[in-house]
Amino acid sequence: MSDHRYGDGGSTFQSTTGHCVHMRGLPYRATENDIYNFFSPLNPVRVHIEIGPDGRVTGEADVEFATHEDAVAAMSKDKANMRKCDLNYLGDSNGLERDRHVSFVV
């Protein structure tokens, strides 16, 4: 299992594929299904919405994809639906900057 974790140590999410997109600035009411639907027609392997120490959602989520190509395609969701949030690719580089920051609307 790969041990790809996002930056500040707040996330305990561990990617099994190494192809993860980290979302920040999500609406607090966003559900896993909302995120799966947002990335459609791509099929994320797993969605993990982060919960803070107070038991409330943080507005961040990790979305795991099966392949590097799917993760790159997910990054193209720049400026798409609900409201502004940030997206970072956390997978193996293979031509894409690791931890590249992209703003988009969810």
PDB file of N, CA and C in Angstrom:
ATOM      1  N   MET A   1       0.837  -1.170   0.000  1.00  0.00           N
ATOM      2  CA  MET A   1       0.000   0.000   0.000  1.00  0.00           C
ATOM      3  C   MET A   1       0.883   1.235   0.000  1.00  0.00           C
ATOM      4  N   SER A   2       0.570   2.182  -0.875  1.00  0.00           N
ATOM      5  CA  SER A   2       1.294   3.443  -0.905  1.00  0.00           C
ATOM      6  C   SER A   2       0.903   4.272   0.301  1.00  0.00           C
ATOM      7  N   ASP A   3       1.813   5.123   0.740  1.00  0.00           N
ATOM      8  CA  ASP A   3       1.522   5.977   1.875  1.00  0.00           C
ATOM      9  C   ASP A   3       1.524   7.427   1.398  1.00  0.00           C
ATOM     10  N   HIS A   4       0.543   7.777   0.574  1.00  0.00           N
ATOM     11  CA  HIS A   4       0.422   9.148   0.072  1.00  0.00           C
ATOM     12  C   HIS A   4      -0.518   9.882   1.009  1.00  0.00           C
ATOM     13  N   ARG A   5       0.007  10.857   1.745  1.00  0.00           N
ATOM     14  CA  ARG A   5      -0.807  11.637   2.665  1.00  0.00           C
ATOM     15  C   ARG A   5      -0.722  13.091   2.281  1.00  0.00           C
ATOM     16  N   TYR A   6      -1.778  13.829   2.583  1.00  0.00           N
ATOM     17  CA  TYR A   6      -1.779  15.234   2.235  1.00  0.00           C
ATOM     18  C   TYR A   6      -1.149  16.050   3.344  1.00  0.00           C
ATOM     19  N   GLY A   7      -0.311  16.966   2.962  1.00  0.00           N
ATOM     20  CA  GLY A   7       0.434  17.985   3.656  1.00  0.00           C
ATOM     21  C   GLY A   7       0.427  18.173   5.146  1.00  0.00           C
ATOM     22  N   ASP A   8      -0.566  18.803   5.727  1.00  0.00           N
ATOM     23  CA  ASP A   8      -0.455  19.325   7.085  1.00  0.00           C
ATOM     24  C   ASP A   8      -0.582  18.278   8.181  1.00  0.00           C
ATOM     25  N   GLY A   9      -0.729  17.016   7.840  1.00  0.00           N
ATOM     26  CA  GLY A   9      -0.824  15.981   8.852  1.00  0.00           C
ATOM     27  C   GLY A   9      -2.229  15.816   9.399  1.00  0.00           C
ATOM     28  N   GLY A  10      -3.173  16.659   8.985  1.00  0.00           N
ATOM     29  CA  GLY A  10      -4.536  16.571   9.477  1.00  0.00           C
ATOM     30  C   GLY A  10      -5.291  15.386   8.902  1.00  0.00           C
ATOM     31  N   SER A  11      -4.895  14.936   7.737  1.00  0.00           N
ATOM     32  CA  SER A  11      -5.593  13.840   7.084  1.00  0.00           C
ATOM     33  C   SER A  11      -4.946  12.501   7.433  1.00  0.00           C
ATOM     34  N   THR A  12      -5.784  11.528   7.728  1.00  0.00           N
ATOM     35  CA  THR A  12      -5.288  10.178   7.986  1.00  0.00           C
ATOM     36  C   THR A  12      -5.519   9.284   6.776  1.00  0.00           C
ATOM     37  N   PHE A  13      -5.975   9.860   5.691  1.00  0.00           N
ATOM     38  CA  PHE A  13      -6.268   9.113   4.468  1.00  0.00           C
ATOM     39  C   PHE A  13      -4.984   8.523   3.893  1.00  0.00           C
ATOM     40  N   GLN A  14      -5.025   7.245   3.559  1.00  0.00           N
ATOM     41  CA  GLN A  14      -3.898   6.599   2.897  1.00  0.00           C
ATOM     42  C   GLN A  14      -4.389   6.020   1.581  1.00  0.00           C
ATOM     43  N   SER A  15      -3.768   6.465   0.513  1.00  0.00           N
ATOM     44  CA  SER A  15      -4.138   6.008  -0.817  1.00  0.00           C
ATOM     45  C   SER A  15      -3.611   4.606  -1.063  1.00  0.00           C
ATOM     46  N   THR A  16      -4.442   3.779  -1.682  1.00  0.00           N
ATOM     47  CA  THR A  16      -4.001   2.431  -2.044  1.00  0.00           C
ATOM     48  C   THR A  16      -3.496   2.383  -3.477  1.00  0.00           C
ATOM     49  N   THR A  17      -3.844   3.411  -4.285  1.00  0.00           N
ATOM     50  CA  THR A  17      -3.439   3.408  -5.692  1.00  0.00           C
ATOM     51  C   THR A  17      -2.313   4.392  -5.982  1.00  0.00           C
ATOM     52  N   GLY A  18      -2.135   5.401  -5.116  1.00  0.00           N
ATOM     53  CA  GLY A  18      -1.136   6.435  -5.353  1.00  0.00           C
ATOM     54  C   GLY A  18      -1.615   7.534  -6.287  1.00  0.00           C
ATOM     55  N   HIS A  19      -2.911   7.539  -6.632  1.00  0.00           N
ATOM     56  CA  HIS A  19      -3.469   8.536  -7.551  1.00  0.00           C
ATOM     57  C   HIS A  19      -4.630   9.242  -6.862  1.00  0.00           C
ATOM     58  N   CYS A  20      -4.290  10.275  -6.122  1.00  0.00           N
ATOM     59  CA  CYS A  20      -5.241  10.939  -5.247  1.00  0.00           C
ATOM     60  C   CYS A  20      -5.374  12.411  -5.590  1.00  0.00           C
ATOM     61  N   VAL A  21      -6.584  12.922  -5.522  1.00  0.00           N
ATOM     62  CA  VAL A  21      -6.846  14.344  -5.676  1.00  0.00           C
ATOM     63  C   VAL A  21      -7.375  14.838  -4.336  1.00  0.00           C
ATOM     64  N   HIS A  22      -6.766  15.905  -3.827  1.00  0.00           N
ATOM     65  CA  HIS A  22      -7.199  16.488  -2.555  1.00  0.00           C
ATOM     66  C   HIS A  22      -8.031  17.722  -2.856  1.00  0.00           C
ATOM     67  N   MET A  23      -9.216  17.790  -2.264  1.00  0.00           N
ATOM     68  CA  MET A  23     -10.120  18.915  -2.478  1.00  0.00           C
ATOM     69  C   MET A  23     -10.172  19.753  -1.208  1.00  0.00           C
ATOM     70  N   ARG A  24     -10.129  21.068  -1.370  1.00  0.00           N
ATOM     71  CA  ARG A  24     -10.276  21.992  -0.241  1.00  0.00           C
ATOM     72  C   ARG A  24     -11.342  23.015  -0.572  1.00  0.00           C
ATOM     73  N   GLY A  25     -12.014  23.525   0.451  1.00  0.00           N
ATOM     74  CA  GLY A  25     -13.028  24.543   0.245  1.00  0.00           C
ATOM     75  C   GLY A  25     -14.369  23.984  -0.188  1.00  0.00           C
ATOM     76  N   LEU A  26     -14.591  22.700   0.084  1.00  0.00           N
ATOM     77  CA  LEU A  26     -15.889  22.094  -0.256  1.00  0.00           C
ATOM     78  C   LEU A  26     -16.994  22.689   0.609  1.00  0.00           C
ATOM     79  N   PRO A  27     -18.210  22.745   0.088  1.00  0.00           N
ATOM     80  CA  PRO A  27     -19.336  23.128   0.942  1.00  0.00           C
ATOM     81  C   PRO A  27     -19.431  22.115   2.093  1.00  0.00           C
ATOM     82  N   TYR A  28     -19.708  22.601   3.281  1.00  0.00           N
ATOM     83  CA  TYR A  28     -19.757  21.704   4.442  1.00  0.00           C
ATOM     84  C   TYR A  28     -20.847  20.659   4.323  1.00  0.00           C
ATOM     85  N   ARG A  29     -21.838  20.911   3.500  1.00  0.00           N
ATOM     86  CA  ARG A  29     -22.924  19.941   3.306  1.00  0.00           C
ATOM     87  C   ARG A  29     -22.633  18.927   2.205  1.00  0.00           C
ATOM     88  N   ALA A  30     -21.500  19.057   1.537  1.00  0.00           N
ATOM     89  CA  ALA A  30     -21.167  18.120   0.448  1.00  0.00           C
ATOM     90  C   ALA A  30     -21.046  16.702   0.997  1.00  0.00           C
ATOM     91  N   THR A  31     -21.611  15.757   0.264  1.00  0.00           N
ATOM     92  CA  THR A  31     -21.564  14.352   0.663  1.00  0.00           C
ATOM     93  C   THR A  31     -20.623  13.584  -0.265  1.00  0.00           C
ATOM     94  N   GLU A  32     -20.314  12.353   0.105  1.00  0.00           N
ATOM     95  CA  GLU A  32     -19.509  11.507  -0.778  1.00  0.00           C
ATOM     96  C   GLU A  32     -20.197  11.368  -2.134  1.00  0.00           C
ATOM     97  N   ASN A  33     -21.509  11.172  -2.132  1.00  0.00           N
ATOM     98  CA  ASN A  33     -22.242  11.048  -3.404  1.00  0.00           C
ATOM     99  C   ASN A  33     -22.125  12.305  -4.241  1.00  0.00           C
ATOM    100  N   ASP A  34     -22.159  13.489  -3.610  1.00  0.00           N
ATOM    101  CA  ASP A  34     -21.975  14.738  -4.350  1.00  0.00           C
ATOM    102  C   ASP A  34     -20.625  14.734  -5.060  1.00  0.00           C
ATOM    103  N   ILE A  35     -19.601  14.260  -4.382  1.00  0.00           N
ATOM    104  CA  ILE A  35     -18.251  14.250  -4.953  1.00  0.00           C
ATOM    105  C   ILE A  35     -18.154  13.216  -6.075  1.00  0.00           C
ATOM    106  N   TYR A  36     -18.710  12.019  -5.848  1.00  0.00           N
ATOM    107  CA  TYR A  36     -18.739  11.014  -6.928  1.00  0.00           C
ATOM    108  C   TYR A  36     -19.448  11.599  -8.156  1.00  0.00           C
ATOM    109  N   ASN A  37     -20.591  12.253  -7.944  1.00  0.00           N
ATOM    110  CA  ASN A  37     -21.354  12.837  -9.053  1.00  0.00           C
ATOM    111  C   ASN A  37     -20.577  13.965  -9.723  1.00  0.00           C
ATOM    112  N   PHE A  38     -19.870  14.748  -8.938  1.00  0.00           N
ATOM    113  CA  PHE A  38     -19.088  15.855  -9.488  1.00  0.00           C
ATOM    114  C   PHE A  38     -18.048  15.343 -10.489  1.00  0.00           C
ATOM    115  N   PHE A  39     -17.391  14.237 -10.167  1.00  0.00           N
ATOM    116  CA  PHE A  39     -16.335  13.717 -11.028  1.00  0.00           C
ATOM    117  C   PHE A  39     -16.856  12.830 -12.168  1.00  0.00           C
ATOM    118  N   SER A  40     -18.158  12.568 -12.212  1.00  0.00           N
ATOM    119  CA  SER A  40     -18.728  11.762 -13.283  1.00  0.00           C
ATOM    120  C   SER A  40     -18.409  12.395 -14.640  1.00  0.00           C
ATOM    121  N   PRO A  41     -18.062  11.637 -15.642  1.00  0.00           N
ATOM    122  CA  PRO A  41     -18.189  10.192 -15.802  1.00  0.00           C
ATOM    123  C   PRO A  41     -17.005   9.399 -15.252  1.00  0.00           C
ATOM    124  N   LEU A  42     -16.030  10.071 -14.645  1.00  0.00           N
ATOM    125  CA  LEU A  42     -14.943   9.318 -13.998  1.00  0.00           C
ATOM    126  C   LEU A  42     -15.513   8.555 -12.811  1.00  0.00           C
ATOM    127  N   ASN A  43     -14.848   7.472 -12.446  1.00  0.00           N
ATOM    128  CA  ASN A  43     -15.307   6.662 -11.322  1.00  0.00           C
ATOM    129  C   ASN A  43     -14.230   6.602 -10.253  1.00  0.00           C
ATOM    130  N   PRO A  44     -14.296   7.522  -9.274  1.00  0.00           N
ATOM    131  CA  PRO A  44     -13.314   7.447  -8.191  1.00  0.00           C
ATOM    132  C   PRO A  44     -13.372   6.089  -7.498  1.00  0.00           C
ATOM    133  N   VAL A  45     -12.209   5.614  -7.072  1.00  0.00           N
ATOM    134  CA  VAL A  45     -12.133   4.357  -6.327  1.00  0.00           C
ATOM    135  C   VAL A  45     -12.700   4.561  -4.927  1.00  0.00           C
ATOM    136  N   ARG A  46     -12.401   5.751  -4.354  1.00  0.00           N
ATOM    137  CA  ARG A  46     -12.802   6.008  -2.974  1.00  0.00           C
ATOM    138  C   ARG A  46     -12.833   7.508  -2.730  1.00  0.00           C
ATOM    139  N   VAL A  47     -13.783   7.936  -1.889  1.00  0.00           N
ATOM    140  CA  VAL A  47     -13.883   9.326  -1.460  1.00  0.00           C
ATOM    141  C   VAL A  47     -13.820   9.335   0.056  1.00  0.00           C
ATOM    142  N   HIS A  48     -12.976  10.217   0.590  1.00  0.00           N
ATOM    143  CA  HIS A  48     -12.853  10.341   2.048  1.00  0.00           C
ATOM    144  C   HIS A  48     -13.030  11.808   2.414  1.00  0.00           C
ATOM    145  N   ILE A  49     -14.168  12.145   3.036  1.00  0.00           N
ATOM    146  CA  ILE A  49     -14.407  13.507   3.506  1.00  0.00           C
ATOM    147  C   ILE A  49     -13.776  13.621   4.891  1.00  0.00           C
ATOM    148  N   GLU A  50     -12.929  14.626   5.061  1.00  0.00           N
ATOM    149  CA  GLU A  50     -12.198  14.774   6.321  1.00  0.00           C
ATOM    150  C   GLU A  50     -13.082  15.347   7.426  1.00  0.00           C
ATOM    151  N   ILE A  51     -12.907  14.783   8.600  1.00  0.00           N
ATOM    152  CA  ILE A  51     -13.626  15.204   9.799  1.00  0.00           C
ATOM    153  C   ILE A  51     -12.594  15.744  10.788  1.00  0.00           C
ATOM    154  N   GLY A  52     -12.865  16.924  11.333  1.00  0.00           N
ATOM    155  CA  GLY A  52     -11.939  17.533  12.282  1.00  0.00           C
ATOM    156  C   GLY A  52     -12.063  16.921  13.661  1.00  0.00           C
ATOM    157  N   PRO A  53     -11.174  17.312  14.580  1.00  0.00           N
ATOM    158  CA  PRO A  53     -11.189  16.777  15.949  1.00  0.00           C
ATOM    159  C   PRO A  53     -12.488  17.094  16.689  1.00  0.00           C
ATOM    160  N   ASP A  54     -13.205  18.127  16.219  1.00  0.00           N
ATOM    161  CA  ASP A  54     -14.476  18.487  16.852  1.00  0.00           C
ATOM    162  C   ASP A  54     -15.645  17.671  16.301  1.00  0.00           C
ATOM    163  N   GLY A  55     -15.344  16.732  15.360  1.00  0.00           N
ATOM    164  CA  GLY A  55     -16.381  15.879  14.796  1.00  0.00           C
ATOM    165  C   GLY A  55     -17.133  16.503  13.638  1.00  0.00           C
ATOM    166  N   ARG A  56     -16.712  17.688  13.204  1.00  0.00           N
ATOM    167  CA  ARG A  56     -17.369  18.365  12.090  1.00  0.00           C
ATOM    168  C   ARG A  56     -16.519  18.246  10.831  1.00  0.00           C
ATOM    169  N   VAL A  57     -17.193  18.305   9.666  1.00  0.00           N
ATOM    170  CA  VAL A  57     -16.448  18.233   8.408  1.00  0.00           C
ATOM    171  C   VAL A  57     -15.565  19.463   8.274  1.00  0.00           C
ATOM    172  N   THR A  58     -14.417  19.281   7.618  1.00  0.00           N
ATOM    173  CA  THR A  58     -13.431  20.355   7.487  1.00  0.00           C
ATOM    174  C   THR A  58     -13.548  21.122   6.174  1.00  0.00           C
ATOM    175  N   GLY A  59     -14.338  20.618   5.242  1.00  0.00           N
ATOM    176  CA  GLY A  59     -14.401  21.232   3.912  1.00  0.00           C
ATOM    177  C   GLY A  59     -13.320  20.685   2.992  1.00  0.00           C
ATOM    178  N   GLU A  60     -12.677  19.596   3.417  1.00  0.00           N
ATOM    179  CA  GLU A  60     -11.637  18.958   2.611  1.00  0.00           C
ATOM    180  C   GLU A  60     -12.008  17.499   2.374  1.00  0.00           C
ATOM    181  N   ALA A  61     -11.506  16.957   1.272  1.00  0.00           N
ATOM    182  CA  ALA A  61     -11.750  15.548   0.950  1.00  0.00           C
ATOM    183  C   ALA A  61     -10.602  15.027   0.110  1.00  0.00           C
ATOM    184  N   ASP A  62     -10.349  13.742   0.213  1.00  0.00           N
ATOM    185  CA  ASP A  62      -9.386  13.052  -0.631  1.00  0.00           C
ATOM    186  C   ASP A  62     -10.179  12.122  -1.539  1.00  0.00           C
ATOM    187  N   VAL A  63      -9.857  12.192  -2.828  1.00  0.00           N
ATOM    188  CA  VAL A  63     -10.563  11.372  -3.816  1.00  0.00           C
ATOM    189  C   VAL A  63      -9.517  10.527  -4.536  1.00  0.00           C
ATOM    190  N   GLU A  64      -9.670   9.239  -4.450  1.00  0.00           N
ATOM    191  CA  GLU A  64      -8.685   8.312  -5.011  1.00  0.00           C
ATOM    192  C   GLU A  64      -9.177   7.779  -6.358  1.00  0.00           C
ATOM    193  N   PHE A  65      -8.255   7.730  -7.317  1.00  0.00           N
ATOM    194  CA  PHE A  65      -8.559   7.220  -8.657  1.00  0.00           C
ATOM    195  C   PHE A  65      -7.692   6.010  -8.959  1.00  0.00           C
ATOM    196  N   ALA A  66      -8.162   5.158  -9.850  1.00  0.00           N
ATOM    197  CA  ALA A  66      -7.464   3.921 -10.178  1.00  0.00           C
ATOM    198  C   ALA A  66      -6.180   4.168 -10.959  1.00  0.00           C
ATOM    199  N   THR A  67      -6.178   5.197 -11.793  1.00  0.00           N
ATOM    200  CA  THR A  67      -5.025   5.428 -12.670  1.00  0.00           C
ATOM    201  C   THR A  67      -4.584   6.882 -12.631  1.00  0.00           C
ATOM    202  N   HIS A  68      -3.358   7.086 -13.056  1.00  0.00           N
ATOM    203  CA  HIS A  68      -2.817   8.442 -13.194  1.00  0.00           C
ATOM    204  C   HIS A  68      -3.663   9.232 -14.191  1.00  0.00           C
ATOM    205  N   GLU A  69      -4.064   8.596 -15.279  1.00  0.00           N
ATOM    206  CA  GLU A  69      -4.857   9.264 -16.310  1.00  0.00           C
ATOM    207  C   GLU A  69      -6.195   9.759 -15.759  1.00  0.00           C
ATOM    208  N   ASP A  70      -6.850   8.944 -14.920  1.00  0.00           N
ATOM    209  CA  ASP A  70      -8.115   9.367 -14.319  1.00  0.00           C
ATOM    210  C   ASP A  70      -7.908  10.557 -13.386  1.00  0.00           C
ATOM    211  N   ALA A  71      -6.823  10.524 -12.609  1.00  0.00           N
ATOM    212  CA  ALA A  71      -6.536  11.638 -11.693  1.00  0.00           C
ATOM    213  C   ALA A  71      -6.265  12.920 -12.477  1.00  0.00           C
ATOM    214  N   VAL A  72      -5.533  12.807 -13.582  1.00  0.00           N
ATOM    215  CA  VAL A  72      -5.265  13.971 -14.432  1.00  0.00           C
ATOM    216  C   VAL A  72      -6.578  14.482 -15.031  1.00  0.00           C
ATOM    217  N   ALA A  73      -7.431  13.568 -15.483  1.00  0.00           N
ATOM    218  CA  ALA A  73      -8.728  13.966 -16.035  1.00  0.00           C
ATOM    219  C   ALA A  73      -9.574  14.660 -14.961  1.00  0.00           C
ATOM    220  N   ALA A  74      -9.482  14.185 -13.731  1.00  0.00           N
ATOM    221  CA  ALA A  74     -10.218  14.813 -12.630  1.00  0.00           C
ATOM    222  C   ALA A  74      -9.767  16.249 -12.416  1.00  0.00           C
ATOM    223  N   MET A  75      -8.477  16.509 -12.639  1.00  0.00           N
ATOM    224  CA  MET A  75      -7.952  17.863 -12.477  1.00  0.00           C
ATOM    225  C   MET A  75      -8.547  18.820 -13.511  1.00  0.00           C
ATOM    226  N   SER A  76      -9.114  18.297 -14.575  1.00  0.00           N
ATOM    227  CA  SER A  76      -9.703  19.160 -15.598  1.00  0.00           C
ATOM    228  C   SER A  76     -11.053  19.719 -15.158  1.00  0.00           C
ATOM    229  N   LYS A  77     -11.519  19.348 -13.992  1.00  0.00           N
ATOM    230  CA  LYS A  77     -12.794  19.843 -13.474  1.00  0.00           C
ATOM    231  C   LYS A  77     -12.673  21.283 -12.960  1.00  0.00           C
ATOM    232  N   ASP A  78     -11.620  21.962 -13.364  1.00  0.00           N
ATOM    233  CA  ASP A  78     -11.407  23.352 -12.979  1.00  0.00           C
ATOM    234  C   ASP A  78     -12.612  24.202 -13.363  1.00  0.00           C
ATOM    235  N   LYS A  79     -13.110  24.942 -12.407  1.00  0.00           N
ATOM    236  CA  LYS A  79     -14.237  25.875 -12.588  1.00  0.00           C
ATOM    237  C   LYS A  79     -15.542  25.185 -13.010  1.00  0.00           C
ATOM    238  N   ALA A  80     -15.812  24.061 -12.474  1.00  0.00           N
ATOM    239  CA  ALA A  80     -17.044  23.323 -12.777  1.00  0.00           C
ATOM    240  C   ALA A  80     -18.141  23.550 -11.727  1.00  0.00           C
ATOM    241  N   ASN A  81     -19.035  23.239 -11.236  1.00  0.00           N
ATOM    242  CA  ASN A  81     -20.303  23.361 -10.526  1.00  0.00           C
ATOM    243  C   ASN A  81     -20.520  24.200  -9.267  1.00  0.00           C
ATOM    244  N   MET A  82     -20.494  23.711  -8.089  1.00  0.00           N
ATOM    245  CA  MET A  82     -21.097  24.317  -6.893  1.00  0.00           C
ATOM    246  C   MET A  82     -20.501  25.627  -6.382  1.00  0.00           C
ATOM    247  N   ARG A  83     -19.344  25.621  -5.808  1.00  0.00           N
ATOM    248  CA  ARG A  83     -18.693  26.854  -5.362  1.00  0.00           C
ATOM    249  C   ARG A  83     -17.200  26.667  -5.355  1.00  0.00           C
ATOM    250  N   LYS A  84     -16.433  27.749  -5.192  1.00  0.00           N
ATOM    251  CA  LYS A  84     -14.977  27.686  -5.330  1.00  0.00           C
ATOM    252  C   LYS A  84     -14.347  26.780  -4.271  1.00  0.00           C
ATOM    253  N   CYS A  85     -13.450  25.940  -4.704  1.00  0.00           N
ATOM    254  CA  CYS A  85     -12.627  25.157  -3.787  1.00  0.00           C
ATOM    255  C   CYS A  85     -11.315  24.864  -4.491  1.00  0.00           C
ATOM    256  N   ASP A  86     -10.378  24.270  -3.782  1.00  0.00           N
ATOM    257  CA  ASP A  86      -9.058  23.998  -4.328  1.00  0.00           C
ATOM    258  C   ASP A  86      -8.873  22.509  -4.526  1.00  0.00           C
ATOM    259  N   LEU A  87      -8.089  22.170  -5.544  1.00  0.00           N
ATOM    260  CA  LEU A  87      -7.854  20.779  -5.912  1.00  0.00           C
ATOM    261  C   LEU A  87      -6.361  20.564  -6.058  1.00  0.00           C
ATOM    262  N   ASN A  88      -5.818  19.531  -5.426  1.00  0.00           N
ATOM    263  CA  ASN A  88      -4.406  19.192  -5.541  1.00  0.00           C
ATOM    264  C   ASN A  88      -4.268  17.746  -5.939  1.00  0.00           C
ATOM    265  N   TYR A  89      -3.361  17.474  -6.881  1.00  0.00           N
ATOM    266  CA  TYR A  89      -3.085  16.093  -7.276  1.00  0.00           C
ATOM    267  C   TYR A  89      -1.968  15.567  -6.389  1.00  0.00           C
ATOM    268  N   LEU A  90      -2.205  14.429  -5.743  1.00  0.00           N
ATOM    269  CA  LEU A  90      -1.248  13.890  -4.793  1.00  0.00           C
ATOM    270  C   LEU A  90      -0.596  12.604  -5.257  1.00  0.00           C
ATOM    271  N   GLY A  91      -0.782  12.226  -6.507  1.00  0.00           N
ATOM    272  CA  GLY A  91      -0.252  10.958  -6.980  1.00  0.00           C
ATOM    273  C   GLY A  91       1.172  11.038  -7.471  1.00  0.00           C
ATOM    274  N   ASP A  92       1.613   9.952  -8.087  1.00  0.00           N
ATOM    275  CA  ASP A  92       2.942   9.895  -8.684  1.00  0.00           C
ATOM    276  C   ASP A  92       3.006  10.897  -9.818  1.00  0.00           C
ATOM    277  N   SER A  93       4.140  11.589  -9.970  1.00  0.00           N
ATOM    278  CA  SER A  93       4.196  12.683 -10.926  1.00  0.00           C
ATOM    279  C   SER A  93       3.931  12.282 -12.360  1.00  0.00           C
ATOM    280  N   ASN A  94       4.708  11.439 -12.967  1.00  0.00           N
ATOM    281  CA  ASN A  94       4.510  11.027 -14.360  1.00  0.00           C
ATOM    282  C   ASN A  94       4.079  12.194 -15.256  1.00  0.00           C
ATOM    283  N   GLY A  95       4.814  13.283 -15.203  1.00  0.00           N
ATOM    284  CA  GLY A  95       4.524  14.406 -16.082  1.00  0.00           C
ATOM    285  C   GLY A  95       3.591  15.446 -15.492  1.00  0.00           C
ATOM    286  N   LEU A  96       3.035  15.213 -14.309  1.00  0.00           N
ATOM    287  CA  LEU A  96       2.174  16.203 -13.660  1.00  0.00           C
ATOM    288  C   LEU A  96       2.829  16.590 -12.356  1.00  0.00           C
ATOM    289  N   GLU A  97       2.934  17.880 -12.087  1.00  0.00           N
ATOM    290  CA  GLU A  97       3.572  18.327 -10.850  1.00  0.00           C
ATOM    291  C   GLU A  97       2.855  17.748  -9.646  1.00  0.00           C
ATOM    292  N   ARG A  98       3.603  17.218  -8.720  1.00  0.00           N
ATOM    293  CA  ARG A  98       3.031  16.712  -7.474  1.00  0.00           C
ATOM    294  C   ARG A  98       2.545  17.904  -6.666  1.00  0.00           C
ATOM    295  N   ASP A  99       1.399  17.775  -6.028  1.00  0.00           N
ATOM    296  CA  ASP A  99       0.794  18.812  -5.214  1.00  0.00           C
ATOM    297  C   ASP A  99       0.509  20.081  -6.006  1.00  0.00           C
ATOM    298  N   ARG A 100       0.239  19.941  -7.283  1.00  0.00           N
ATOM    299  CA  ARG A 100      -0.123  21.107  -8.096  1.00  0.00           C
ATOM    300  C   ARG A 100      -1.460  21.636  -7.619  1.00  0.00           C
ATOM    301  N   HIS A 101      -1.562  22.938  -7.455  1.00  0.00           N
ATOM    302  CA  HIS A 101      -2.738  23.586  -6.925  1.00  0.00           C
ATOM    303  C   HIS A 101      -3.594  24.104  -8.072  1.00  0.00           C
ATOM    304  N   VAL A 102      -4.867  23.768  -8.058  1.00  0.00           N
ATOM    305  CA  VAL A 102      -5.791  24.260  -9.064  1.00  0.00           C
ATOM    306  C   VAL A 102      -7.052  24.718  -8.346  1.00  0.00           C
ATOM    307  N   SER A 103      -7.522  25.913  -8.628  1.00  0.00           N
ATOM    308  CA  SER A 103      -8.793  26.366  -8.076  1.00  0.00           C
ATOM    309  C   SER A 103      -9.901  25.952  -9.027  1.00  0.00           C
ATOM    310  N   PHE A 104     -11.018  25.558  -8.480  1.00  0.00           N
ATOM    311  CA  PHE A 104     -12.163  25.263  -9.322  1.00  0.00           C
ATOM    312  C   PHE A 104     -13.428  25.456  -8.521  1.00  0.00           C
ATOM    313  N   VAL A 105     -14.539  25.465  -9.178  1.00  0.00           N
ATOM    314  CA  VAL A 105     -15.814  25.669  -8.519  1.00  0.00           C
ATOM    315  C   VAL A 105     -16.518  24.341  -8.438  1.00  0.00           C
ATOM    316  N   VAL A 106     -16.959  23.990  -7.220  1.00  0.00           N
ATOM    317  CA  VAL A 106     -17.683  22.729  -7.065  1.00  0.00           C
ATOM    318  C   VAL A 106     -19.130  22.958  -6.813  1.00  0.00           C
TER     319      VAL A 106
END
